[in-house]
Amino acid sequence: KALILVPDNSGPGGLRKIQFGKYAIQAEIARGGMGIVYKADDPDLRRTVALKVLIAGEGATEESIKRFIREARAAARLKHPNIVQVYEAGTVEGQHFFTMDLIEGLDLADLNAAPDRSVPQLLEWVHTVCGALAVAHDAGIIHRDLKPQNIMVDQDGKPVLMDFGLAKDLTSVSLQSLSGAVMGTPAYMSPEQA
């Protein structure tokens, strides 16, 4: 409902664009169980951002809204060059969203599957991400869904940790999950959780 097509007379044939509040959406770039991520223009900051919108929209459950907000807050608390930076969070016509750095590149899973992959380079990226995770842990944030698909390598070769949707904030009692709750991607869970 909050995604609105508007006329755009700047292009040939009066092409249309999609608006989400103040954001002009260029393209969908990712879709998961929690949200859809779009490449979008932010007119206030005058830059292109990644706009994540809660997939359930206005019909979202209270739990999914809390989890979505927890993701934005967890990532926003962390300041590190290898952790995605969050810029803004809010709602547009009842739909929750947040914006973050647009990381254009490939995820570690795609890079690992490439025929010309470099194992030493992959190990260097993983080592760098481990440093970012240490910063998160020092701040009381546990990612809980660390997997190759959640590590993007930008066009300059910098790995960036993404997707804090399952993050646990150890500094907030209200955000802690129930004991014994299964979180994360089974193939990448720690042995003690699996």
Protein backbone atom coordinates (compact mmCIF):
# COMPACT_ATOMS: atom_id res chain seq x y z
CA LYS A 1 0.00 0.00 0.00
CA ALA A 2 2.84 2.44 0.78
CA LEU A 3 4.56 1.67 -2.53
CA ILE A 4 3.19 4.21 -4.97
CA LEU A 5 3.75 4.50 -8.73
CA VAL A 6 4.18 8.10 -9.81
CA PRO A 7 4.75 9.64 -13.26
CA ASP A 8 8.34 10.52 -14.05
CA ASN A 9 8.57 12.79 -17.08
CA SER A 10 12.37 13.01 -16.96
CA GLY A 11 12.84 9.81 -18.95
CA PRO A 12 11.79 8.74 -22.43
CA GLY A 13 8.12 7.85 -22.66
CA GLY A 14 7.30 9.24 -19.21
CA LEU A 15 8.67 6.21 -17.38
CA ARG A 16 7.21 5.50 -13.98
CA LYS A 17 9.03 5.05 -10.71
CA ILE A 18 8.01 3.59 -7.40
CA GLN A 19 7.93 5.78 -4.29
CA PHE A 20 8.06 4.60 -0.70
CA GLY A 21 7.58 7.71 1.38
CA LYS A 22 10.40 10.03 0.35
CA TYR A 23 12.43 7.18 -1.21
CA ALA A 24 12.47 6.56 -4.97
CA ILE A 25 12.90 2.82 -5.48
CA GLN A 26 15.18 1.76 -8.33
CA ALA A 27 15.05 -2.03 -8.01
CA GLU A 28 14.48 -4.96 -5.67
CA ILE A 29 17.86 -6.40 -4.68
CA ALA A 30 17.06 -9.06 -2.08
CA ARG A 31 14.15 -10.86 -0.48
CA GLY A 32 14.10 -12.94 2.68
CA GLY A 33 11.67 -14.30 5.21
CA MET A 34 11.63 -11.00 7.11
CA GLY A 35 11.81 -8.26 4.52
CA ILE A 36 12.42 -7.02 1.02
CA VAL A 37 15.50 -4.91 0.29
CA TYR A 38 15.37 -2.28 -2.42
CA LYS A 39 17.97 -0.05 -4.01
CA ALA A 40 16.54 3.42 -3.46
CA ASP A 41 17.38 7.10 -3.72
CA ASP A 42 17.28 9.14 -0.53
CA PRO A 43 16.58 12.77 -1.52
CA ASP A 44 17.52 14.17 1.91
CA LEU A 45 20.95 12.52 2.10
CA ARG A 46 21.38 12.70 -1.69
CA ARG A 47 22.68 9.17 -1.96
CA THR A 48 21.58 5.71 -2.92
CA VAL A 49 20.71 3.45 0.02
CA ALA A 50 19.45 -0.04 0.71
CA LEU A 51 15.84 0.26 1.90
CA LYS A 52 14.56 -2.74 3.86
CA VAL A 53 10.77 -2.99 4.24
CA LEU A 54 9.07 -5.46 6.56
CA ILE A 55 7.56 -8.01 4.19
CA ALA A 56 4.31 -8.50 6.15
CA GLY A 57 3.43 -4.81 5.77
CA GLU A 58 0.49 -3.56 7.79
CA GLY A 59 -0.51 -7.13 8.68
CA ALA A 60 2.75 -7.84 10.49
CA THR A 61 2.56 -9.52 13.87
CA GLU A 62 3.82 -7.74 16.95
CA GLU A 63 6.67 -10.28 17.19
CA SER A 64 7.81 -9.72 13.60
CA ILE A 65 7.74 -5.94 14.11
CA LYS A 66 9.83 -6.29 17.28
CA ARG A 67 12.32 -8.51 15.48
CA PHE A 68 12.54 -6.06 12.56
CA ILE A 69 13.14 -3.11 14.91
CA ARG A 70 15.68 -5.18 16.86
CA GLU A 71 17.62 -5.76 13.61
CA ALA A 72 17.77 -2.04 12.85
CA ARG A 73 18.75 -1.09 16.41
CA ALA A 74 21.42 -3.79 16.70
CA ALA A 75 23.13 -2.78 13.46
CA ALA A 76 22.74 0.94 14.24
CA ARG A 77 24.56 0.54 17.56
CA LEU A 78 27.61 -0.89 15.87
CA LYS A 79 30.17 1.41 14.27
CA HIS A 80 32.70 -0.60 12.27
CA PRO A 81 33.82 -0.42 8.63
CA ASN A 82 32.95 -4.10 8.14
CA ILE A 83 29.41 -3.91 9.60
CA VAL A 84 26.59 -2.44 7.53
CA GLN A 85 25.66 1.06 8.70
CA VAL A 86 22.02 1.90 9.41
CA TYR A 87 20.88 5.46 8.60
CA GLU A 88 17.18 5.75 9.39
CA ALA A 89 14.22 3.69 10.63
CA GLY A 90 10.52 4.41 10.72
CA THR A 91 7.14 3.68 9.19
CA VAL A 92 5.39 4.82 6.02
CA GLU A 93 1.63 4.32 6.04
CA GLY A 94 1.98 1.57 8.65
CA GLN A 95 4.84 -0.25 6.90
CA HIS A 96 8.07 -0.52 8.90
CA PHE A 97 11.37 0.18 7.17
CA PHE A 98 14.98 1.07 7.72
CA THR A 99 17.72 2.29 5.43
CA MET A 100 21.35 1.28 5.41
CA ASP A 101 24.51 1.38 3.34
CA LEU A 102 24.02 -0.02 -0.13
CA ILE A 103 26.73 -2.65 -0.53
CA GLU A 104 27.07 -3.53 -4.19
CA GLY A 105 29.04 -6.67 -4.85
CA LEU A 106 28.72 -10.40 -4.25
CA ASP A 107 28.12 -12.41 -1.11
CA LEU A 108 30.73 -14.83 0.19
CA ALA A 109 28.70 -17.84 -0.97
CA ASP A 110 28.79 -16.62 -4.59
CA LEU A 111 32.48 -15.79 -4.35
CA ASN A 112 33.27 -19.20 -2.88
CA ALA A 113 31.41 -20.90 -5.74
CA ALA A 114 33.30 -18.95 -8.43
CA PRO A 115 35.65 -21.13 -10.49
CA ASP A 116 38.53 -18.67 -10.05
CA ARG A 117 38.10 -18.26 -6.29
CA SER A 118 41.16 -17.61 -4.17
CA VAL A 119 41.21 -19.54 -0.90
CA PRO A 120 43.73 -17.15 0.72
CA GLN A 121 41.47 -14.21 -0.22
CA LEU A 122 38.39 -15.97 1.21
CA LEU A 123 40.28 -16.63 4.45
CA GLU A 124 41.35 -12.98 4.65
CA TRP A 125 37.72 -11.85 4.28
CA VAL A 126 36.57 -14.31 6.98
CA HIS A 127 39.36 -13.08 9.29
CA THR A 128 38.23 -9.48 8.73
CA VAL A 129 34.59 -10.37 9.50
CA CYS A 130 35.72 -12.13 12.69
CA GLY A 131 37.20 -8.80 13.80
CA ALA A 132 33.84 -7.11 13.13
CA LEU A 133 32.07 -9.85 15.09
CA ALA A 134 34.42 -9.25 18.03
CA VAL A 135 33.37 -5.58 18.03
CA ALA A 136 29.71 -6.63 17.99
CA HIS A 137 30.28 -9.08 20.85
CA ASP A 138 32.10 -6.42 22.87
CA ALA A 139 28.98 -4.24 22.44
CA GLY A 140 26.74 -7.09 23.66
CA ILE A 141 25.31 -7.97 20.21
CA ILE A 142 25.32 -11.61 19.05
CA HIS A 143 24.57 -11.98 15.31
CA ARG A 144 23.16 -15.57 15.44
CA ASP A 145 22.89 -16.03 11.67
CA LEU A 146 26.47 -15.84 10.48
CA LYS A 147 26.68 -17.49 7.06
CA PRO A 148 28.30 -16.73 3.69
CA GLN A 149 25.09 -15.18 2.34
CA ASN A 150 25.19 -12.54 5.10
CA ILE A 151 28.69 -11.36 4.23
CA MET A 152 28.82 -9.05 1.21
CA VAL A 153 32.10 -8.17 -0.48
CA ASP A 154 31.87 -4.76 -2.12
CA GLN A 155 33.41 -3.75 -5.42
CA ASP A 156 36.58 -2.62 -3.62
CA GLY A 157 37.01 -6.05 -2.01
CA LYS A 158 35.85 -5.04 1.48
CA PRO A 159 33.73 -7.64 3.32
CA VAL A 160 30.69 -6.28 5.18
CA LEU A 161 28.60 -8.18 7.73
CA MET A 162 24.87 -7.82 7.05
CA ASP A 163 21.46 -9.00 8.30
CA PHE A 164 21.12 -8.61 12.04
CA GLY A 165 17.53 -9.92 11.95
CA LEU A 166 18.25 -12.67 14.49
CA ALA A 167 20.65 -10.62 16.60
CA LYS A 168 20.48 -10.93 20.35
CA ASP A 169 21.16 -7.84 22.44
CA LEU A 170 22.66 -9.02 25.69
CA THR A 171 22.29 -5.54 27.19
CA SER A 172 18.47 -5.59 26.94
CA VAL A 173 16.52 -8.15 28.97
CA SER A 174 13.33 -7.47 27.00
CA LEU A 175 14.94 -8.48 23.70
CA GLN A 176 16.37 -11.78 24.85
CA SER A 177 14.88 -14.87 23.27
CA LEU A 178 13.33 -17.73 25.16
CA SER A 179 15.71 -20.37 26.41
CA GLY A 180 15.91 -23.26 23.95
CA ALA A 181 14.55 -21.26 21.00
CA VAL A 182 16.11 -22.33 17.70
CA MET A 183 17.53 -19.37 15.77
CA GLY A 184 19.54 -19.16 12.56
CA THR A 185 20.23 -21.27 9.50
CA PRO A 186 20.59 -24.97 10.43
CA ALA A 187 23.61 -25.64 8.19
CA TYR A 188 25.53 -22.80 9.90
CA MET A 189 24.43 -23.23 13.53
CA SER A 190 27.00 -23.85 16.21
CA PRO A 191 27.28 -27.52 17.22
CA GLU A 192 25.95 -26.82 20.73
CA GLN A 193 22.80 -25.18 19.33
CA ALA A 194 22.23 -27.81 16.64
